[in-house]
């Protein structure tokens, strides 16, 4: 991956997280900003980015299952564990101690707290027909998809022979249809990284793909394609089953959007080579913003409602809205200093735990052989 394209992907990563923040802040103030309507679409961008990055790191850095497992666990848990704890604390403080009126019914998912926490730690919130919300933290759902994509990818990459297909099938059967339906979108990111054909396209083809992707996004927006796909699914399976699809109910049009985004990334990967000087100019601010994106994504929802409770009014003014969003943004970036930006410490701890478990297993096997 070239430096210029890496900078571009970081820019897209931060932009997608910010769009999701705007999407979830809409109940606070009707600012009628078109981009704020595309929160789900921003998550689809994340999925393709994730697949691309995972394919890249396994190709260049994480070449063994051990390295891959430790790095992925450090990346995920360095933010997921703090997110679970902080969500619980700010929800309790905001609702119980400050102002319960700030929390609408959809964000009062606090019953069976222990089950919600354990399920979130194990990323089993979205298995089959389950849809377990982490208190007020709606965005946490996507992590319950992505972690299983990491596992499925590891099986197909590091397990050899027929066993990998058995294990892969077992994982797909375990997670159920919702997670499985969006797996092709994530795998598009893997494909566009690994494909030699798309990596070596001409600049003319890249420009054509770029224009196609822009037109594809226009069609998606102008003709409400996502709404069409969801409505069609409802007519096929009925309203009750449509609800059970939860965040996967747009999967039909997510495939279309995924193809458009993939085409865009393929194009920019080539085109960015000719604009390296521009990307180098914006590298520092982009890297700083991208370095806190994961925390911003996973914590913005509970932080939004906490600050809304703090400055509660039935009809917030634009000034109050900007204050709440700014505080959410700033707080997430401060938290990121001790979460994802300390990922190396988590990696060190997880490596020690992995080595300890590995040694115990080896010692047990050796002991059994001696007894025999």
Protein backbone atom coordinates (compact mmCIF):
# COMPACT_ATOMS: atom_id res chain seq x y z
CA UNK A 1 0.00 0.00 0.00
CA UNK A 2 1.42 3.39 -0.97
CA UNK A 3 1.78 6.18 1.56
CA UNK A 4 -0.62 8.46 -0.32
CA UNK A 5 -3.35 5.81 -0.45
CA UNK A 6 -2.82 5.03 3.24
CA UNK A 7 -3.39 8.71 4.05
CA UNK A 8 -6.54 8.69 1.93
CA UNK A 9 -7.90 5.63 3.73
CA UNK A 10 -7.25 7.28 7.09
CA UNK A 11 -9.15 10.33 5.88
CA UNK A 12 -12.07 8.13 4.82
CA UNK A 13 -11.96 6.27 8.14
CA UNK A 14 -12.29 9.47 10.16
CA UNK A 15 -14.92 10.91 7.80
CA UNK A 16 -17.06 7.77 8.12
CA UNK A 17 -16.87 7.91 11.92
CA UNK A 18 -17.88 11.57 11.89
CA UNK A 19 -20.85 10.83 9.61
CA UNK A 20 -22.04 8.18 12.09
CA UNK A 21 -21.69 10.76 14.87
CA UNK A 22 -23.85 13.21 12.90
CA UNK A 23 -26.37 10.45 12.18
CA UNK A 24 -26.82 9.67 15.87
CA UNK A 25 -26.96 13.34 16.86
CA UNK A 26 -29.99 14.05 14.65
CA UNK A 27 -32.58 13.51 17.44
CA UNK A 28 -31.00 16.42 19.31
CA UNK A 29 -31.36 19.02 16.58
CA UNK A 30 -32.90 19.00 13.11
CA UNK A 31 -30.00 20.53 11.17
CA UNK A 32 -31.15 19.06 7.82
CA UNK A 33 -27.66 18.13 6.64
CA UNK A 34 -27.90 15.52 3.88
CA UNK A 35 -24.68 13.70 4.80
CA UNK A 36 -26.11 12.97 8.26
CA UNK A 37 -28.66 10.59 6.70
CA UNK A 38 -25.99 8.05 5.78
CA UNK A 39 -24.93 6.50 9.07
CA UNK A 40 -25.52 2.91 7.97
CA UNK A 41 -23.69 3.57 4.71
CA UNK A 42 -20.69 4.86 6.68
CA UNK A 43 -20.56 1.51 8.49
CA UNK A 44 -20.48 -0.28 5.12
CA UNK A 45 -17.46 1.89 4.26
CA UNK A 46 -15.88 0.71 7.53
CA UNK A 47 -16.48 -2.92 6.63
CA UNK A 48 -14.74 -2.63 3.26
CA UNK A 49 -11.89 -0.66 4.83
CA UNK A 50 -11.55 -3.33 7.49
CA UNK A 51 -11.36 -6.16 4.97
CA UNK A 52 -8.75 -4.26 2.96
CA UNK A 53 -6.59 -3.51 6.00
CA UNK A 54 -6.81 -7.08 7.32
CA UNK A 55 -5.69 -8.43 3.95
CA UNK A 56 -2.83 -5.91 3.96
CA UNK A 57 -1.53 -6.68 7.47
CA UNK A 58 -1.61 -10.45 6.92
CA UNK A 59 0.29 -9.96 3.68
CA UNK A 60 2.97 -7.70 5.17
CA UNK A 61 3.14 -8.07 8.98
CA UNK A 62 0.93 -10.65 10.66
CA UNK A 63 2.05 -13.74 8.78
CA UNK A 64 1.32 -16.30 11.51
CA UNK A 65 -1.88 -17.12 13.36
CA UNK A 66 -0.25 -16.11 16.65
CA UNK A 67 0.76 -12.67 15.38
CA UNK A 68 -2.64 -12.16 13.79
CA UNK A 69 -4.61 -13.24 16.86
CA UNK A 70 -2.59 -11.09 19.26
CA UNK A 71 -2.72 -8.00 17.05
CA UNK A 72 -6.46 -8.29 16.40
CA UNK A 73 -7.22 -8.90 20.08
CA UNK A 74 -5.13 -5.88 21.08
CA UNK A 75 -6.81 -3.70 18.47
CA UNK A 76 -10.32 -4.72 19.48
CA UNK A 77 -10.09 -5.04 23.25
CA UNK A 78 -8.02 -1.87 23.74
CA UNK A 79 -11.19 0.02 22.84
CA UNK A 80 -14.01 -2.49 23.42
CA UNK A 81 -13.35 -3.06 27.13
CA UNK A 82 -13.05 0.67 27.95
CA UNK A 83 -16.14 1.31 25.78
CA UNK A 84 -18.21 -1.19 27.78
CA UNK A 85 -17.08 0.28 31.11
CA UNK A 86 -17.48 3.91 30.06
CA UNK A 87 -20.89 3.27 28.47
CA UNK A 88 -22.12 1.76 31.74
CA UNK A 89 -20.74 4.65 33.81
CA UNK A 90 -21.98 7.54 31.66
CA UNK A 91 -25.40 5.92 31.15
CA UNK A 92 -25.85 5.46 34.88
CA UNK A 93 -24.64 8.99 35.60
CA UNK A 94 -26.65 10.63 32.83
CA UNK A 95 -29.93 8.83 33.47
CA UNK A 96 -29.88 8.29 37.24
CA UNK A 97 -27.90 11.24 38.56
CA UNK A 98 -28.44 14.02 36.02
CA UNK A 99 -31.61 13.93 33.88
CA UNK A 100 -33.56 10.85 32.82
CA UNK A 101 -35.64 12.89 30.34
CA UNK A 102 -32.67 13.03 27.96
CA UNK A 103 -32.89 9.29 27.27
CA UNK A 104 -35.67 8.15 24.94
CA UNK A 105 -37.00 4.61 25.27
CA UNK A 106 -34.73 3.19 22.56
CA UNK A 107 -31.66 4.12 24.60
CA UNK A 108 -32.82 2.68 27.93
CA UNK A 109 -31.54 -0.87 27.38
CA UNK A 110 -30.33 -1.46 30.93
CA UNK A 111 -32.16 -4.60 32.00
CA UNK A 112 -30.10 -7.80 32.34
CA UNK A 113 -26.96 -5.67 32.58
CA UNK A 114 -24.67 -8.62 33.31
CA UNK A 115 -25.84 -10.51 30.23
CA UNK A 116 -25.39 -7.42 28.05
CA UNK A 117 -21.84 -6.92 29.32
CA UNK A 118 -20.79 -10.56 28.91
CA UNK A 119 -22.40 -10.78 25.48
CA UNK A 120 -20.61 -7.59 24.42
CA UNK A 121 -17.26 -8.92 25.65
CA UNK A 122 -17.79 -12.10 23.63
CA UNK A 123 -19.25 -10.24 20.61
CA UNK A 124 -22.36 -12.43 20.57
CA UNK A 125 -24.92 -9.60 20.59
CA UNK A 126 -26.07 -10.20 17.02
CA UNK A 127 -26.06 -13.99 16.68
CA UNK A 128 -29.00 -15.36 14.74
CA UNK A 129 -32.15 -13.52 15.93
CA UNK A 130 -30.44 -11.95 18.93
CA UNK A 131 -30.12 -8.18 18.96
CA UNK A 132 -28.64 -7.31 22.34
CA UNK A 133 -27.89 -3.61 22.70
CA UNK A 134 -25.01 -2.46 24.91
CA UNK A 135 -27.06 -0.05 27.06
CA UNK A 136 -27.36 3.20 25.05
CA UNK A 137 -24.46 2.24 22.77
CA UNK A 138 -26.13 1.37 19.46
CA UNK A 139 -22.93 1.56 17.29
CA UNK A 140 -21.41 -1.37 19.18
CA UNK A 141 -23.46 -3.68 16.92
CA UNK A 142 -20.96 -3.50 14.07
CA UNK A 143 -18.14 -4.85 16.23
CA UNK A 144 -20.27 -7.95 16.79
CA UNK A 145 -20.13 -8.49 13.04
CA UNK A 146 -16.55 -7.49 12.38
CA UNK A 147 -14.91 -9.71 15.00
CA UNK A 148 -16.50 -12.78 13.42
CA UNK A 149 -15.22 -11.68 10.02
CA UNK A 150 -11.73 -11.56 11.56
CA UNK A 151 -12.19 -15.11 12.82
CA UNK A 152 -13.56 -16.39 9.50
CA UNK A 153 -10.68 -14.76 7.63
CA UNK A 154 -8.13 -16.30 10.01
CA UNK A 155 -9.60 -19.76 9.44
CA UNK A 156 -9.43 -19.47 5.65
CA UNK A 157 -5.93 -17.95 5.79
CA UNK A 158 -4.10 -19.99 8.42
CA UNK A 159 -5.91 -23.35 8.55
CA UNK A 160 -4.90 -25.73 5.78
CA UNK A 161 -6.73 -28.44 3.89
CA UNK A 162 -10.36 -29.43 4.13
CA UNK A 163 -10.47 -28.52 7.84
CA UNK A 164 -10.55 -24.83 7.06
CA UNK A 165 -13.83 -25.22 5.18
CA UNK A 166 -15.29 -27.27 8.02
CA UNK A 167 -14.28 -24.63 10.56
CA UNK A 168 -15.43 -21.81 8.31
CA UNK A 169 -18.81 -23.48 7.85
CA UNK A 170 -19.09 -24.02 11.60
CA UNK A 171 -18.45 -20.32 12.26
CA UNK A 172 -21.05 -19.27 9.67
CA UNK A 173 -23.55 -21.67 11.20
CA UNK A 174 -22.78 -20.38 14.69
CA UNK A 175 -23.16 -16.66 13.90
CA UNK A 176 -26.32 -17.05 11.84
CA UNK A 177 -27.75 -15.29 8.78
CA UNK A 178 -27.53 -11.63 9.86
CA UNK A 179 -23.76 -11.60 10.23
CA UNK A 180 -23.25 -13.94 7.29
CA UNK A 181 -25.30 -11.73 4.93
CA UNK A 182 -22.91 -8.78 5.28
CA UNK A 183 -19.77 -10.91 5.11
CA UNK A 184 -19.47 -10.49 1.29
CA UNK A 185 -19.30 -6.71 1.80
CA UNK A 186 -16.38 -7.09 4.22
CA UNK A 187 -14.74 -9.60 1.89
CA UNK A 188 -14.84 -7.09 -0.95
CA UNK A 189 -12.12 -5.20 0.91
CA UNK A 190 -10.01 -8.36 1.06
CA UNK A 191 -10.59 -9.01 -2.63
CA UNK A 192 -9.58 -5.58 -3.90
CA UNK A 193 -6.34 -5.78 -1.92
CA UNK A 194 -5.43 -9.29 -3.06
CA UNK A 195 -6.47 -8.96 -6.71
CA UNK A 196 -3.47 -8.46 -9.00
CA UNK A 197 -5.80 -7.44 -11.82
CA UNK A 198 -7.34 -4.50 -9.98
CA UNK A 199 -3.99 -3.51 -8.51
CA UNK A 200 -2.44 -3.06 -11.93
CA UNK A 201 -5.14 -1.21 -13.86
CA UNK A 202 -4.19 1.70 -16.11
CA UNK A 203 -4.69 5.32 -15.10
CA UNK A 204 -7.43 5.64 -17.75
CA UNK A 205 -9.31 2.70 -16.21
CA UNK A 206 -8.83 4.21 -12.76
CA UNK A 207 -10.35 7.52 -13.84
CA UNK A 208 -13.28 5.68 -15.44
CA UNK A 209 -13.83 3.69 -12.22
CA UNK A 210 -13.62 6.88 -10.17
CA UNK A 211 -16.32 8.54 -12.28
CA UNK A 212 -18.41 5.36 -12.10
CA UNK A 213 -18.18 5.35 -8.30
CA UNK A 214 -19.26 8.99 -8.05
CA UNK A 215 -22.21 8.31 -10.35
CA UNK A 216 -23.03 5.18 -8.37
CA UNK A 217 -23.21 7.17 -5.13
CA UNK A 218 -25.41 9.76 -6.86
CA UNK A 219 -27.85 7.05 -8.01
CA UNK A 220 -27.90 5.55 -4.52
CA UNK A 221 -28.83 8.90 -3.00
CA UNK A 222 -31.12 10.28 -5.70
CA UNK A 223 -33.27 7.17 -6.07
CA UNK A 224 -33.39 6.06 -2.41
CA UNK A 225 -31.89 2.70 -3.32
CA UNK A 226 -31.41 1.65 0.31
CA UNK A 227 -35.10 2.20 1.03
CA UNK A 228 -36.04 0.14 -2.01
CA UNK A 229 -33.91 -2.80 -0.91
CA UNK A 230 -35.29 -2.81 2.61
CA UNK A 231 -38.86 -2.52 1.35
CA UNK A 232 -38.38 -5.38 -1.10
CA UNK A 233 -37.03 -7.61 1.67
CA UNK A 234 -40.08 -6.77 3.79
CA UNK A 235 -42.45 -7.81 1.00
CA UNK A 236 -40.62 -11.13 0.69
CA UNK A 237 -40.25 -12.12 4.37
CA UNK A 238 -42.96 -10.02 6.04
CA UNK A 239 -42.69 -7.24 8.67
CA UNK A 240 -41.87 -9.51 11.63
CA UNK A 241 -38.96 -11.28 9.99
CA UNK A 242 -37.83 -8.01 8.45
CA UNK A 243 -37.35 -6.65 11.98
CA UNK A 244 -35.32 -9.73 12.91
CA UNK A 245 -32.80 -8.86 10.18
CA UNK A 246 -32.00 -5.73 12.26
CA UNK A 247 -28.86 -4.04 10.87
CA UNK A 248 -28.70 -6.50 7.95
CA UNK A 249 -32.09 -5.57 6.51
CA UNK A 250 -30.40 -3.42 3.87
CA UNK A 251 -28.12 -6.24 2.73
CA UNK A 252 -29.49 -6.30 -0.84
CA UNK A 253 -28.54 -2.70 -1.53
CA UNK A 254 -25.46 -2.93 0.70
CA UNK A 255 -24.04 -5.23 -1.98
CA UNK A 256 -24.59 -2.49 -4.56
CA UNK A 257 -23.09 0.16 -2.30
CA UNK A 258 -20.18 -2.13 -1.46
CA UNK A 259 -19.37 -2.58 -5.15
CA UNK A 260 -19.46 1.20 -5.67
CA UNK A 261 -17.15 1.83 -2.70
CA UNK A 262 -14.79 -0.94 -3.79
CA UNK A 263 -14.59 0.62 -7.27
CA UNK A 264 -13.81 3.97 -5.66
CA UNK A 265 -10.97 2.53 -3.59
CA UNK A 266 -9.50 0.71 -6.59
CA UNK A 267 -9.55 3.96 -8.55
CA UNK A 268 -8.07 6.16 -5.83
CA UNK A 269 -5.30 3.65 -5.12
CA UNK A 270 -4.04 4.28 -8.66
CA UNK A 271 -4.88 7.97 -8.96
CA UNK A 272 -3.31 8.86 -5.59
CA UNK A 273 0.12 8.02 -7.00
CA UNK A 274 -0.09 11.19 -9.10
CA UNK A 275 -1.07 13.40 -6.16
CA UNK A 276 1.40 12.22 -3.54
CA UNK A 277 2.52 15.79 -2.76
CA UNK A 278 -1.04 16.80 -1.81
CA UNK A 279 -1.51 13.80 0.47
CA UNK A 280 1.87 14.43 2.10
CA UNK A 281 0.72 17.97 2.92
CA UNK A 282 -2.33 16.79 4.85
CA UNK A 283 -0.72 13.71 6.39
CA UNK A 284 -0.17 15.03 9.93
CA UNK A 285 -3.72 16.26 10.70
CA UNK A 286 -5.25 13.21 8.99
CA UNK A 287 -3.10 10.78 11.02
CA UNK A 288 -3.98 12.59 14.25
CA UNK A 289 -7.71 12.41 13.54
CA UNK A 290 -7.59 8.82 12.32
CA UNK A 291 -5.66 7.77 15.43
CA UNK A 292 -8.78 8.27 17.53
CA UNK A 293 -11.43 7.12 15.07
CA UNK A 294 -12.19 3.76 16.69
CA UNK A 295 -12.83 5.35 20.08
CA UNK A 296 -14.93 8.11 18.53
CA UNK A 297 -17.04 5.54 16.74
CA UNK A 298 -17.59 3.25 19.73
CA UNK A 299 -18.21 5.93 22.36
CA UNK A 300 -19.94 8.85 20.66
CA UNK A 301 -23.48 7.57 21.29
CA UNK A 302 -23.35 7.27 25.11
CA UNK A 303 -21.32 10.48 25.31
CA UNK A 304 -23.90 12.35 23.22
CA UNK A 305 -26.73 11.39 25.57
CA UNK A 306 -24.66 12.08 28.67
CA UNK A 307 -23.90 15.64 27.56
CA UNK A 308 -27.49 16.06 26.41
CA UNK A 309 -28.59 15.12 29.94
CA UNK A 310 -26.10 17.64 31.31
CA UNK A 311 -27.46 20.49 29.17
CA UNK A 312 -30.99 19.16 28.83
CA UNK A 313 -33.72 21.19 27.18
CA UNK A 314 -36.71 19.88 25.24
CA UNK A 315 -35.77 21.85 22.13
CA UNK A 316 -32.00 22.38 22.06
CA UNK A 317 -30.76 25.46 20.25
CA UNK A 318 -28.08 25.28 17.59
CA UNK A 319 -25.57 26.58 20.15
CA UNK A 320 -26.41 23.81 22.63
CA UNK A 321 -26.26 21.22 19.87
CA UNK A 322 -22.81 22.38 18.75
CA UNK A 323 -21.64 22.37 22.38
CA UNK A 324 -22.86 18.78 22.92
CA UNK A 325 -21.27 17.50 19.71
CA UNK A 326 -18.01 19.35 20.42
CA UNK A 327 -17.78 17.95 23.95
CA UNK A 328 -18.51 14.46 22.63
CA UNK A 329 -15.82 14.83 20.00
CA UNK A 330 -13.22 16.21 22.43
CA UNK A 331 -13.97 13.65 25.14
CA UNK A 332 -13.66 10.75 22.71
CA UNK A 333 -10.28 12.04 21.58
CA UNK A 334 -9.06 12.36 25.17
CA UNK A 335 -10.21 8.82 25.94
CA UNK A 336 -8.42 7.59 22.81
CA UNK A 337 -5.13 8.69 24.36
CA UNK A 338 -5.45 5.85 26.88
CA UNK A 339 -7.29 3.32 24.69
CA UNK A 340 -6.39 2.76 21.05
CA UNK A 341 -3.28 4.93 21.28
CA UNK A 342 -2.02 2.60 24.03
CA UNK A 343 -2.68 -0.45 21.91
CA UNK A 344 0.96 -1.48 22.22
CA UNK A 345 0.50 -2.02 25.97
CA UNK A 346 -2.53 -4.22 25.36
CA UNK A 347 -0.52 -6.14 22.79
CA UNK A 348 2.23 -6.73 25.35
CA UNK A 349 -0.25 -8.00 27.97
CA UNK A 350 -2.07 -10.23 25.50
CA UNK A 351 1.23 -11.65 24.24
CA UNK A 352 2.18 -12.60 27.80
CA UNK A 353 -1.20 -14.23 28.33
CA UNK A 354 -0.93 -16.09 25.02
CA UNK A 355 2.58 -17.34 25.83
CA UNK A 356 1.50 -18.42 29.32
CA UNK A 357 -1.45 -20.40 27.95
CA UNK A 358 0.73 -21.87 25.22
CA UNK A 359 3.33 -23.02 27.76
CA UNK A 360 0.68 -24.57 30.01
CA UNK A 361 -0.73 -26.56 27.09
CA UNK A 362 2.75 -27.75 26.06
CA UNK A 363 3.62 -28.71 29.65
CA UNK A 364 0.38 -30.65 30.07
CA UNK A 365 1.01 -32.60 26.88
CA UNK A 366 4.59 -33.34 27.97
CA UNK A 367 3.42 -34.46 31.43
CA UNK A 368 0.86 -36.83 29.91
CA UNK A 369 3.51 -38.36 27.65
CA UNK A 370 5.77 -38.96 30.68
CA UNK A 371 2.93 -40.68 32.56
CA UNK A 372 2.34 -42.97 29.62
